[in-house]
Amino acid sequence: MTKAELRKKYKVLREDLSSSEIEEWSLQIANNTLRLDIWNPSYYHLFLPISKEKEVNTEYILHILQGKDKSVVLPKANFLTGEMTHYLLQENTPLSKSEYGITEPISGLEISPLAIDVVFVPLLAYDKQGNRVGYGKGFYDRFLIQCKPESIFVGLSFFEPEEIILQDNIDIPLNFCVTPQKIHRF
């Protein structure tokens, strides 16, 4: 399947999920992340879900990170430039929902991608080699390439992997993908 076909397929699969399935499976995904050996670093990049897209609810992971006293970094997307800036989530960090339905920081302490140790990556589909398909805007591809080589990339998905996805040269593979049922290691 092409990336466009995969995007369509997984958007339809997500559309069929009930809100109770999303919450239950998101909690299982968060619990499964605890089995990963990723909890020693300091800076964790986390996306907040776009509820209309029925993304994994990352609030459960956010609570884990806060409970472990980790520094949480949130992205802010600029759809004019195709770039993201990254802000440290603090008690006084103002958040707002963008016109695209993304809850993101309005402003705050900006963090360099080079400071980020672990990135939780949104996706629509992925394969058994750790290649991912996002929404097609390339925000995370441009961001992940800016991270340090030892950064760990963790995809979150309600679904199991495709056999293979043909990738572009700029695509950065995941280290792990966590589903409600298991952890895939690449």
N, C-alpha and C. Protein backbone atom coordinates (compact mmCIF):
# COMPACT_ATOMS: atom_id res chain seq x y z
N MET A 1 0.82 -1.19 0.00
CA MET A 1 0.00 0.00 0.00
C MET A 1 0.87 1.25 0.00
N THR A 2 0.38 2.28 -0.63
CA THR A 2 1.08 3.56 -0.61
C THR A 2 0.82 4.24 0.74
N LYS A 3 1.59 5.28 1.03
CA LYS A 3 1.37 6.02 2.26
C LYS A 3 -0.03 6.63 2.28
N ALA A 4 -0.48 7.13 1.14
CA ALA A 4 -1.82 7.73 1.07
C ALA A 4 -2.89 6.68 1.38
N GLU A 5 -2.73 5.47 0.85
CA GLU A 5 -3.69 4.40 1.12
C GLU A 5 -3.67 4.00 2.60
N LEU A 6 -2.46 3.97 3.19
CA LEU A 6 -2.34 3.63 4.60
C LEU A 6 -3.00 4.70 5.48
N ARG A 7 -2.79 5.97 5.12
CA ARG A 7 -3.42 7.05 5.88
C ARG A 7 -4.95 6.88 5.87
N LYS A 8 -5.48 6.62 4.70
CA LYS A 8 -6.93 6.45 4.57
C LYS A 8 -7.41 5.25 5.39
N LYS A 9 -6.71 4.11 5.27
CA LYS A 9 -7.09 2.89 5.98
C LYS A 9 -7.12 3.12 7.49
N TYR A 10 -6.07 3.75 8.04
CA TYR A 10 -5.98 3.88 9.49
C TYR A 10 -6.87 4.99 10.03
N LYS A 11 -7.18 5.97 9.22
CA LYS A 11 -8.17 6.97 9.65
C LYS A 11 -9.54 6.32 9.78
N VAL A 12 -9.88 5.42 8.85
CA VAL A 12 -11.16 4.70 8.91
C VAL A 12 -11.17 3.77 10.13
N LEU A 13 -10.07 3.06 10.38
CA LEU A 13 -10.00 2.17 11.54
C LEU A 13 -10.19 2.95 12.84
N ARG A 14 -9.54 4.11 12.93
CA ARG A 14 -9.69 4.94 14.13
C ARG A 14 -11.12 5.46 14.27
N GLU A 15 -11.71 5.83 13.14
CA GLU A 15 -13.07 6.38 13.18
C GLU A 15 -14.04 5.38 13.79
N ASP A 16 -13.78 4.09 13.63
CA ASP A 16 -14.66 3.05 14.16
C ASP A 16 -14.46 2.80 15.66
N LEU A 17 -13.45 3.43 16.27
CA LEU A 17 -13.21 3.22 17.70
C LEU A 17 -14.19 4.02 18.55
N SER A 18 -14.67 3.39 19.60
CA SER A 18 -15.54 4.11 20.54
C SER A 18 -14.67 4.90 21.51
N SER A 19 -15.25 5.88 22.16
CA SER A 19 -14.48 6.66 23.13
C SER A 19 -14.03 5.78 24.30
N SER A 20 -14.82 4.79 24.68
CA SER A 20 -14.38 3.91 25.77
C SER A 20 -13.21 3.02 25.33
N GLU A 21 -13.20 2.58 24.07
CA GLU A 21 -12.05 1.81 23.56
C GLU A 21 -10.80 2.68 23.56
N ILE A 22 -10.94 3.92 23.10
CA ILE A 22 -9.79 4.83 23.07
C ILE A 22 -9.21 5.01 24.46
N GLU A 23 -10.07 5.24 25.44
CA GLU A 23 -9.58 5.46 26.81
C GLU A 23 -8.95 4.19 27.38
N GLU A 24 -9.62 3.06 27.22
CA GLU A 24 -9.10 1.80 27.76
C GLU A 24 -7.77 1.43 27.10
N TRP A 25 -7.70 1.54 25.79
CA TRP A 25 -6.48 1.18 25.07
C TRP A 25 -5.36 2.18 25.33
N SER A 26 -5.72 3.45 25.49
CA SER A 26 -4.69 4.46 25.81
C SER A 26 -4.07 4.17 27.17
N LEU A 27 -4.89 3.77 28.13
CA LEU A 27 -4.37 3.41 29.45
C LEU A 27 -3.48 2.17 29.35
N GLN A 28 -3.87 1.17 28.56
CA GLN A 28 -3.03 -0.01 28.37
C GLN A 28 -1.70 0.35 27.71
N ILE A 29 -1.74 1.26 26.75
CA ILE A 29 -0.50 1.71 26.10
C ILE A 29 0.40 2.38 27.13
N ALA A 30 -0.16 3.28 27.93
CA ALA A 30 0.63 3.96 28.96
C ALA A 30 1.24 2.94 29.92
N ASN A 31 0.45 1.97 30.36
CA ASN A 31 0.98 0.94 31.26
C ASN A 31 2.09 0.15 30.59
N ASN A 32 1.95 -0.14 29.30
CA ASN A 32 3.00 -0.88 28.59
C ASN A 32 4.29 -0.07 28.46
N THR A 33 4.18 1.26 28.39
CA THR A 33 5.41 2.06 28.30
C THR A 33 6.28 1.88 29.54
N LEU A 34 5.66 1.53 30.65
CA LEU A 34 6.42 1.33 31.89
C LEU A 34 7.37 0.14 31.79
N ARG A 35 7.13 -0.75 30.83
CA ARG A 35 8.00 -1.91 30.63
C ARG A 35 9.23 -1.57 29.80
N LEU A 36 9.26 -0.36 29.22
CA LEU A 36 10.41 0.06 28.42
C LEU A 36 11.54 0.56 29.33
N ASP A 37 12.76 0.38 28.87
CA ASP A 37 13.91 0.88 29.62
C ASP A 37 14.25 2.30 29.11
N ILE A 38 13.32 3.23 29.40
CA ILE A 38 13.47 4.60 28.91
C ILE A 38 13.32 5.63 30.02
N TRP A 39 13.29 5.22 31.26
CA TRP A 39 12.85 6.11 32.33
C TRP A 39 13.97 6.79 33.10
N ASN A 40 15.24 6.63 32.67
CA ASN A 40 16.34 7.30 33.36
C ASN A 40 16.61 8.71 32.86
N PRO A 41 16.40 9.02 31.57
CA PRO A 41 16.70 10.38 31.09
C PRO A 41 15.81 11.45 31.73
N SER A 42 16.06 12.69 31.34
CA SER A 42 15.36 13.82 31.95
C SER A 42 14.28 14.43 31.08
N TYR A 43 14.54 14.61 29.77
CA TYR A 43 13.63 15.36 28.90
C TYR A 43 12.83 14.44 27.98
N TYR A 44 11.50 14.53 28.10
CA TYR A 44 10.57 13.69 27.34
C TYR A 44 9.65 14.57 26.52
N HIS A 45 9.62 14.33 25.23
CA HIS A 45 8.76 15.08 24.32
C HIS A 45 7.46 14.30 24.16
N LEU A 46 6.34 14.99 24.38
CA LEU A 46 5.04 14.32 24.35
C LEU A 46 4.07 15.13 23.51
N PHE A 47 3.37 14.47 22.61
CA PHE A 47 2.30 15.15 21.88
C PHE A 47 1.01 15.04 22.69
N LEU A 48 0.19 16.06 22.60
CA LEU A 48 -1.14 15.98 23.19
C LEU A 48 -2.11 15.58 22.09
N PRO A 49 -3.08 14.73 22.38
CA PRO A 49 -3.90 14.13 21.31
C PRO A 49 -4.85 15.12 20.65
N ILE A 50 -5.08 14.87 19.37
CA ILE A 50 -6.13 15.57 18.63
C ILE A 50 -7.36 14.68 18.74
N SER A 51 -8.28 15.06 19.60
CA SER A 51 -9.41 14.17 19.90
C SER A 51 -10.26 13.88 18.67
N LYS A 52 -10.44 14.86 17.77
CA LYS A 52 -11.26 14.60 16.59
C LYS A 52 -10.62 13.56 15.66
N GLU A 53 -9.29 13.36 15.78
CA GLU A 53 -8.58 12.36 14.99
C GLU A 53 -8.52 11.01 15.71
N LYS A 54 -9.07 10.97 16.93
CA LYS A 54 -9.10 9.75 17.74
C LYS A 54 -7.69 9.20 17.95
N GLU A 55 -6.78 10.10 18.33
CA GLU A 55 -5.41 9.71 18.64
C GLU A 55 -5.33 9.08 20.03
N VAL A 56 -4.21 8.40 20.29
CA VAL A 56 -3.95 7.85 21.61
C VAL A 56 -4.01 8.99 22.62
N ASN A 57 -4.74 8.78 23.71
CA ASN A 57 -4.82 9.78 24.77
C ASN A 57 -3.53 9.71 25.59
N THR A 58 -2.67 10.69 25.41
CA THR A 58 -1.35 10.68 26.07
C THR A 58 -1.39 11.27 27.47
N GLU A 59 -2.56 11.66 27.95
CA GLU A 59 -2.64 12.20 29.32
C GLU A 59 -2.16 11.17 30.35
N TYR A 60 -2.39 9.89 30.07
CA TYR A 60 -1.93 8.85 30.99
C TYR A 60 -0.39 8.82 31.05
N ILE A 61 0.25 8.98 29.92
CA ILE A 61 1.71 9.03 29.89
C ILE A 61 2.19 10.30 30.56
N LEU A 62 1.49 11.40 30.34
CA LEU A 62 1.83 12.66 31.00
C LEU A 62 1.82 12.48 32.52
N HIS A 63 0.82 11.79 33.06
CA HIS A 63 0.76 11.56 34.50
C HIS A 63 1.93 10.70 34.98
N ILE A 64 2.32 9.72 34.19
CA ILE A 64 3.48 8.89 34.54
C ILE A 64 4.73 9.76 34.59
N LEU A 65 4.92 10.59 33.57
CA LEU A 65 6.10 11.46 33.52
C LEU A 65 6.13 12.42 34.69
N GLN A 66 5.00 13.01 35.01
CA GLN A 66 4.94 13.94 36.14
C GLN A 66 5.19 13.21 37.45
N GLY A 67 4.67 11.99 37.57
CA GLY A 67 4.90 11.19 38.77
C GLY A 67 6.35 10.81 38.95
N LYS A 68 7.07 10.67 37.85
CA LYS A 68 8.49 10.35 37.90
C LYS A 68 9.36 11.61 37.92
N ASP A 69 8.72 12.78 38.02
CA ASP A 69 9.39 14.07 38.09
C ASP A 69 10.30 14.32 36.89
N LYS A 70 9.79 13.99 35.70
CA LYS A 70 10.52 14.21 34.46
C LYS A 70 10.15 15.55 33.85
N SER A 71 11.03 16.09 33.05
CA SER A 71 10.75 17.32 32.31
C SER A 71 9.99 16.95 31.04
N VAL A 72 8.80 17.51 30.90
CA VAL A 72 7.94 17.22 29.75
C VAL A 72 8.01 18.40 28.78
N VAL A 73 8.23 18.08 27.52
CA VAL A 73 8.34 19.08 26.46
C VAL A 73 7.18 18.87 25.50
N LEU A 74 6.48 19.95 25.18
CA LEU A 74 5.34 19.89 24.26
C LEU A 74 5.65 20.64 22.98
N PRO A 75 5.16 20.14 21.84
CA PRO A 75 5.40 20.83 20.57
C PRO A 75 4.35 21.89 20.26
N LYS A 76 4.77 22.84 19.46
CA LYS A 76 3.85 23.82 18.87
C LYS A 76 4.16 23.85 17.38
N ALA A 77 3.15 23.55 16.57
CA ALA A 77 3.34 23.44 15.12
C ALA A 77 3.08 24.78 14.44
N ASN A 78 3.96 25.11 13.50
CA ASN A 78 3.76 26.28 12.65
C ASN A 78 3.45 25.75 11.25
N PHE A 79 2.19 25.83 10.85
CA PHE A 79 1.78 25.26 9.57
C PHE A 79 2.24 26.09 8.38
N LEU A 80 2.71 27.32 8.63
CA LEU A 80 3.26 28.13 7.53
C LEU A 80 4.68 27.69 7.17
N THR A 81 5.48 27.35 8.19
CA THR A 81 6.87 26.96 7.95
C THR A 81 7.07 25.45 7.93
N GLY A 82 6.11 24.70 8.50
CA GLY A 82 6.26 23.25 8.59
C GLY A 82 7.19 22.83 9.71
N GLU A 83 7.53 23.75 10.60
CA GLU A 83 8.44 23.47 11.72
C GLU A 83 7.67 23.44 13.03
N MET A 84 8.29 22.81 14.02
CA MET A 84 7.74 22.82 15.37
C MET A 84 8.74 23.50 16.30
N THR A 85 8.22 24.21 17.28
CA THR A 85 9.04 24.67 18.41
C THR A 85 8.59 23.85 19.60
N HIS A 86 9.45 23.77 20.60
CA HIS A 86 9.23 22.85 21.71
C HIS A 86 9.37 23.61 23.02
N TYR A 87 8.36 23.46 23.89
CA TYR A 87 8.32 24.21 25.13
C TYR A 87 8.22 23.29 26.34
N LEU A 88 8.97 23.65 27.38
CA LEU A 88 8.92 22.92 28.64
C LEU A 88 7.55 23.14 29.27
N LEU A 89 6.88 22.05 29.65
CA LEU A 89 5.59 22.16 30.32
C LEU A 89 5.84 22.46 31.79
N GLN A 90 5.37 23.63 32.22
CA GLN A 90 5.48 24.03 33.61
C GLN A 90 4.08 24.34 34.13
N GLU A 91 3.95 24.56 35.42
CA GLU A 91 2.64 24.85 36.00
C GLU A 91 1.98 26.05 35.34
N ASN A 92 2.78 27.04 34.94
CA ASN A 92 2.23 28.27 34.39
C ASN A 92 2.28 28.33 32.86
N THR A 93 2.57 27.21 32.21
CA THR A 93 2.62 27.21 30.75
C THR A 93 1.20 27.35 30.19
N PRO A 94 0.95 28.43 29.44
CA PRO A 94 -0.40 28.59 28.88
C PRO A 94 -0.60 27.66 27.68
N LEU A 95 -1.72 26.95 27.66
CA LEU A 95 -2.05 26.03 26.58
C LEU A 95 -3.30 26.54 25.87
N SER A 96 -3.37 26.25 24.58
CA SER A 96 -4.52 26.66 23.78
C SER A 96 -4.71 25.64 22.67
N LYS A 97 -5.96 25.49 22.23
CA LYS A 97 -6.25 24.58 21.12
C LYS A 97 -6.11 25.36 19.81
N SER A 98 -5.28 24.85 18.91
CA SER A 98 -5.06 25.52 17.62
C SER A 98 -6.25 25.30 16.70
N GLU A 99 -6.24 25.98 15.57
CA GLU A 99 -7.32 25.82 14.60
C GLU A 99 -7.37 24.40 14.04
N TYR A 100 -6.29 23.62 14.23
CA TYR A 100 -6.24 22.23 13.77
C TYR A 100 -6.65 21.25 14.86
N GLY A 101 -7.06 21.77 16.02
CA GLY A 101 -7.50 20.90 17.10
C GLY A 101 -6.38 20.37 17.96
N ILE A 102 -5.20 20.99 17.86
CA ILE A 102 -4.04 20.53 18.62
C ILE A 102 -3.89 21.41 19.86
N THR A 103 -3.91 20.79 21.04
CA THR A 103 -3.63 21.53 22.27
C THR A 103 -2.12 21.71 22.35
N GLU A 104 -1.70 22.97 22.43
CA GLU A 104 -0.26 23.25 22.41
C GLU A 104 0.05 24.49 23.24
N PRO A 105 1.33 24.63 23.62
CA PRO A 105 1.72 25.81 24.39
C PRO A 105 1.59 27.08 23.56
N ILE A 106 1.19 28.16 24.21
CA ILE A 106 1.16 29.45 23.55
C ILE A 106 2.56 30.06 23.56
N SER A 107 3.24 29.89 24.70
CA SER A 107 4.60 30.41 24.87
C SER A 107 5.23 29.66 26.04
N GLY A 108 6.45 30.04 26.37
CA GLY A 108 7.12 29.41 27.50
C GLY A 108 8.60 29.29 27.27
N LEU A 109 9.23 28.41 28.04
CA LEU A 109 10.66 28.17 27.94
C LEU A 109 10.92 27.22 26.78
N GLU A 110 11.57 27.71 25.74
CA GLU A 110 11.82 26.89 24.55
C GLU A 110 12.98 25.93 24.83
N ILE A 111 12.81 24.69 24.36
CA ILE A 111 13.80 23.63 24.54
C ILE A 111 14.31 23.19 23.17
N SER A 112 15.61 23.06 23.04
CA SER A 112 16.22 22.60 21.80
C SER A 112 15.95 21.11 21.59
N PRO A 113 15.73 20.69 20.33
CA PRO A 113 15.60 19.25 20.07
C PRO A 113 16.80 18.45 20.55
N LEU A 114 17.96 19.06 20.61
CA LEU A 114 19.17 18.36 21.07
C LEU A 114 19.13 18.03 22.56
N ALA A 115 18.24 18.67 23.31
CA ALA A 115 18.13 18.40 24.74
C ALA A 115 17.17 17.25 25.04
N ILE A 116 16.40 16.85 24.05
CA ILE A 116 15.33 15.87 24.28
C ILE A 116 15.89 14.44 24.20
N ASP A 117 15.57 13.66 25.22
CA ASP A 117 16.09 12.29 25.33
C ASP A 117 15.14 11.25 24.74
N VAL A 118 13.85 11.42 24.97
CA VAL A 118 12.84 10.45 24.53
C VAL A 118 11.70 11.23 23.87
N VAL A 119 11.27 10.74 22.70
CA VAL A 119 10.17 11.37 21.98
C VAL A 119 9.05 10.34 21.81
N PHE A 120 7.86 10.67 22.31
CA PHE A 120 6.68 9.87 22.02
C PHE A 120 6.10 10.42 20.72
N VAL A 121 6.02 9.55 19.71
CA VAL A 121 5.73 9.97 18.34
C VAL A 121 4.32 9.57 17.92
N PRO A 122 3.53 10.54 17.45
CA PRO A 122 2.22 10.19 16.91
C PRO A 122 2.37 9.54 15.54
N LEU A 123 1.42 8.71 15.16
CA LEU A 123 1.49 8.06 13.85
C LEU A 123 0.12 7.54 13.48
N LEU A 124 -0.02 7.25 12.20
CA LEU A 124 -1.23 6.59 11.72
C LEU A 124 -0.95 5.11 11.50
N ALA A 125 0.22 4.79 10.94
CA ALA A 125 0.59 3.40 10.67
C ALA A 125 2.11 3.27 10.84
N TYR A 126 2.56 2.03 10.98
CA TYR A 126 4.00 1.73 11.09
C TYR A 126 4.20 0.31 10.61
N ASP A 127 5.47 -0.03 10.35
CA ASP A 127 5.75 -1.38 9.89
C ASP A 127 6.69 -2.11 10.84
N LYS A 128 7.01 -3.35 10.50
CA LYS A 128 7.81 -4.21 11.37
C LYS A 128 9.28 -3.80 11.45
N GLN A 129 9.65 -2.78 10.66
CA GLN A 129 11.02 -2.25 10.70
C GLN A 129 11.08 -0.94 11.47
N GLY A 130 9.94 -0.44 11.94
CA GLY A 130 9.91 0.81 12.69
C GLY A 130 9.67 2.04 11.83
N ASN A 131 9.37 1.85 10.56
CA ASN A 131 9.03 2.98 9.70
C ASN A 131 7.60 3.40 10.00
N ARG A 132 7.35 4.71 9.95
CA ARG A 132 6.03 5.21 10.33
C ARG A 132 5.42 6.05 9.22
N VAL A 133 4.10 6.17 9.29
CA VAL A 133 3.35 7.06 8.43
C VAL A 133 2.56 7.99 9.34
N GLY A 134 2.78 9.30 9.16
CA GLY A 134 2.03 10.29 9.91
C GLY A 134 0.95 10.88 9.02
N TYR A 135 0.60 12.11 9.30
CA TYR A 135 -0.46 12.77 8.54
C TYR A 135 0.03 13.34 7.21
N GLY A 136 1.33 13.31 6.98
CA GLY A 136 1.85 13.71 5.68
C GLY A 136 2.41 15.12 5.60
N LYS A 137 2.42 15.84 6.71
CA LYS A 137 2.96 17.21 6.71
C LYS A 137 4.46 17.24 6.99
N GLY A 138 5.01 16.16 7.52
CA GLY A 138 6.45 16.06 7.75
C GLY A 138 6.97 16.73 9.00
N PHE A 139 6.08 17.19 9.89
CA PHE A 139 6.53 17.87 11.11
C PHE A 139 7.49 17.00 11.92
N TYR A 140 7.11 15.75 12.16
CA TYR A 140 7.95 14.89 13.00
C TYR A 140 9.19 14.43 12.26
N ASP A 141 9.13 14.25 10.95
CA ASP A 141 10.35 13.89 10.20
C ASP A 141 11.39 15.00 10.34
N ARG A 142 10.96 16.24 10.19
CA ARG A 142 11.90 17.36 10.32
C ARG A 142 12.41 17.50 11.76
N PHE A 143 11.54 17.22 12.72
CA PHE A 143 11.92 17.33 14.13
C PHE A 143 12.87 16.21 14.55
N LEU A 144 12.55 14.97 14.23
CA LEU A 144 13.36 13.84 14.70
C LEU A 144 14.79 13.89 14.18
N ILE A 145 14.97 14.41 12.99
CA ILE A 145 16.33 14.50 12.43
C ILE A 145 17.17 15.54 13.17
N GLN A 146 16.52 16.46 13.89
CA GLN A 146 17.23 17.48 14.67
C GLN A 146 17.64 16.96 16.05
N CYS A 147 17.08 15.84 16.48
CA CYS A 147 17.39 15.30 17.80
C CYS A 147 18.77 14.65 17.79
N LYS A 148 19.34 14.48 18.97
CA LYS A 148 20.66 13.84 19.06
C LYS A 148 20.56 12.37 18.66
N PRO A 149 21.65 11.79 18.16
CA PRO A 149 21.61 10.40 17.67
C PRO A 149 21.14 9.38 18.70
N GLU A 150 21.40 9.63 19.97
CA GLU A 150 21.01 8.66 21.01
C GLU A 150 19.59 8.85 21.53
N SER A 151 18.86 9.82 21.00
CA SER A 151 17.47 9.99 21.40
C SER A 151 16.66 8.74 21.05
N ILE A 152 15.67 8.46 21.87
CA ILE A 152 14.83 7.28 21.70
C ILE A 152 13.47 7.72 21.19
N PHE A 153 12.99 7.08 20.12
CA PHE A 153 11.72 7.42 19.50
C PHE A 153 10.72 6.30 19.73
N VAL A 154 9.62 6.64 20.41
CA VAL A 154 8.61 5.66 20.80
C VAL A 154 7.29 6.01 20.13
N GLY A 155 6.86 5.18 19.18
CA GLY A 155 5.56 5.36 18.56
C GLY A 155 4.46 4.82 19.45
N LEU A 156 3.27 5.37 19.31
CA LEU A 156 2.10 4.92 20.07
C LEU A 156 0.99 4.62 19.08
N SER A 157 0.44 3.39 19.17
CA SER A 157 -0.58 3.00 18.19
C SER A 157 -1.59 2.05 18.81
N PHE A 158 -2.82 2.18 18.37
CA PHE A 158 -3.86 1.24 18.77
C PHE A 158 -3.75 -0.07 17.99
N PHE A 159 -2.99 -0.08 16.90
CA PHE A 159 -3.00 -1.19 15.95
C PHE A 159 -1.63 -1.84 15.82
N GLU A 160 -1.63 -3.04 15.27
CA GLU A 160 -0.40 -3.78 15.03
C GLU A 160 0.25 -3.29 13.72
N PRO A 161 1.53 -3.65 13.49
CA PRO A 161 2.25 -3.10 12.33
C PRO A 161 1.85 -3.70 10.99
N GLU A 162 2.09 -2.93 9.96
CA GLU A 162 2.03 -3.41 8.58
C GLU A 162 3.32 -4.21 8.34
N GLU A 163 3.33 -5.01 7.30
CA GLU A 163 4.53 -5.79 6.99
C GLU A 163 5.69 -4.87 6.60
N ILE A 164 5.44 -3.99 5.63
CA ILE A 164 6.49 -3.06 5.18
C ILE A 164 5.85 -1.81 4.60
N ILE A 165 6.48 -0.68 4.87
CA ILE A 165 6.08 0.61 4.31
C ILE A 165 7.28 1.16 3.57
N LEU A 166 7.09 1.47 2.31
CA LEU A 166 8.19 2.07 1.56
C LEU A 166 8.40 3.49 2.06
N GLN A 167 9.67 3.82 2.35
CA GLN A 167 9.98 5.09 2.99
C GLN A 167 10.70 6.04 2.06
N ASP A 168 10.57 7.33 2.38
CA ASP A 168 11.34 8.37 1.71
C ASP A 168 12.69 8.47 2.42
N ASN A 169 13.62 9.13 1.79
CA ASN A 169 14.96 9.28 2.37
C ASN A 169 14.96 10.01 3.70
N ILE A 170 14.00 10.92 3.92
CA ILE A 170 14.02 11.71 5.15
C ILE A 170 13.35 11.02 6.33
N ASP A 171 12.69 9.91 6.12
CA ASP A 171 11.95 9.26 7.20
C ASP A 171 12.90 8.67 8.24
N ILE A 172 12.61 8.95 9.50
CA ILE A 172 13.42 8.47 10.62
C ILE A 172 12.66 7.34 11.30
N PRO A 173 13.28 6.15 11.43
CA PRO A 173 12.56 5.03 12.04
C PRO A 173 12.42 5.17 13.56
N LEU A 174 11.43 4.47 14.09
CA LEU A 174 11.19 4.40 15.53
C LEU A 174 12.14 3.40 16.17
N ASN A 175 12.36 3.53 17.47
CA ASN A 175 13.05 2.51 18.24
C ASN A 175 12.06 1.49 18.80
N PHE A 176 10.86 1.98 19.14
CA PHE A 176 9.80 1.14 19.70
C PHE A 176 8.46 1.63 19.18
N CYS A 177 7.47 0.75 19.20
CA CYS A 177 6.08 1.17 19.06
C CYS A 177 5.29 0.40 20.10
N VAL A 178 4.51 1.12 20.89
CA VAL A 178 3.75 0.53 21.98
C VAL A 178 2.28 0.50 21.58
N THR A 179 1.68 -0.68 21.71
CA THR A 179 0.26 -0.87 21.44
C THR A 179 -0.42 -1.32 22.75
N PRO A 180 -1.73 -1.45 22.76
CA PRO A 180 -2.38 -1.96 23.98
C PRO A 180 -1.95 -3.39 24.31
N GLN A 181 -1.58 -4.16 23.28
CA GLN A 181 -1.24 -5.57 23.50
C GLN A 181 0.25 -5.82 23.75
N LYS A 182 1.13 -5.02 23.13
CA LYS A 182 2.55 -5.38 23.21
C LYS A 182 3.46 -4.21 22.89
N ILE A 183 4.75 -4.48 22.99
CA ILE A 183 5.80 -3.53 22.62
C ILE A 183 6.54 -4.10 21.43
N HIS A 184 6.65 -3.32 20.38
CA HIS A 184 7.44 -3.72 19.21
C HIS A 184 8.79 -3.01 19.32
N ARG A 185 9.86 -3.79 19.17
CA ARG A 185 11.22 -3.25 19.26
C ARG A 185 11.87 -3.31 17.90
N PHE A 186 12.51 -2.24 17.50
CA PHE A 186 13.12 -2.18 16.16
C PHE A 186 14.63 -1.97 16.28
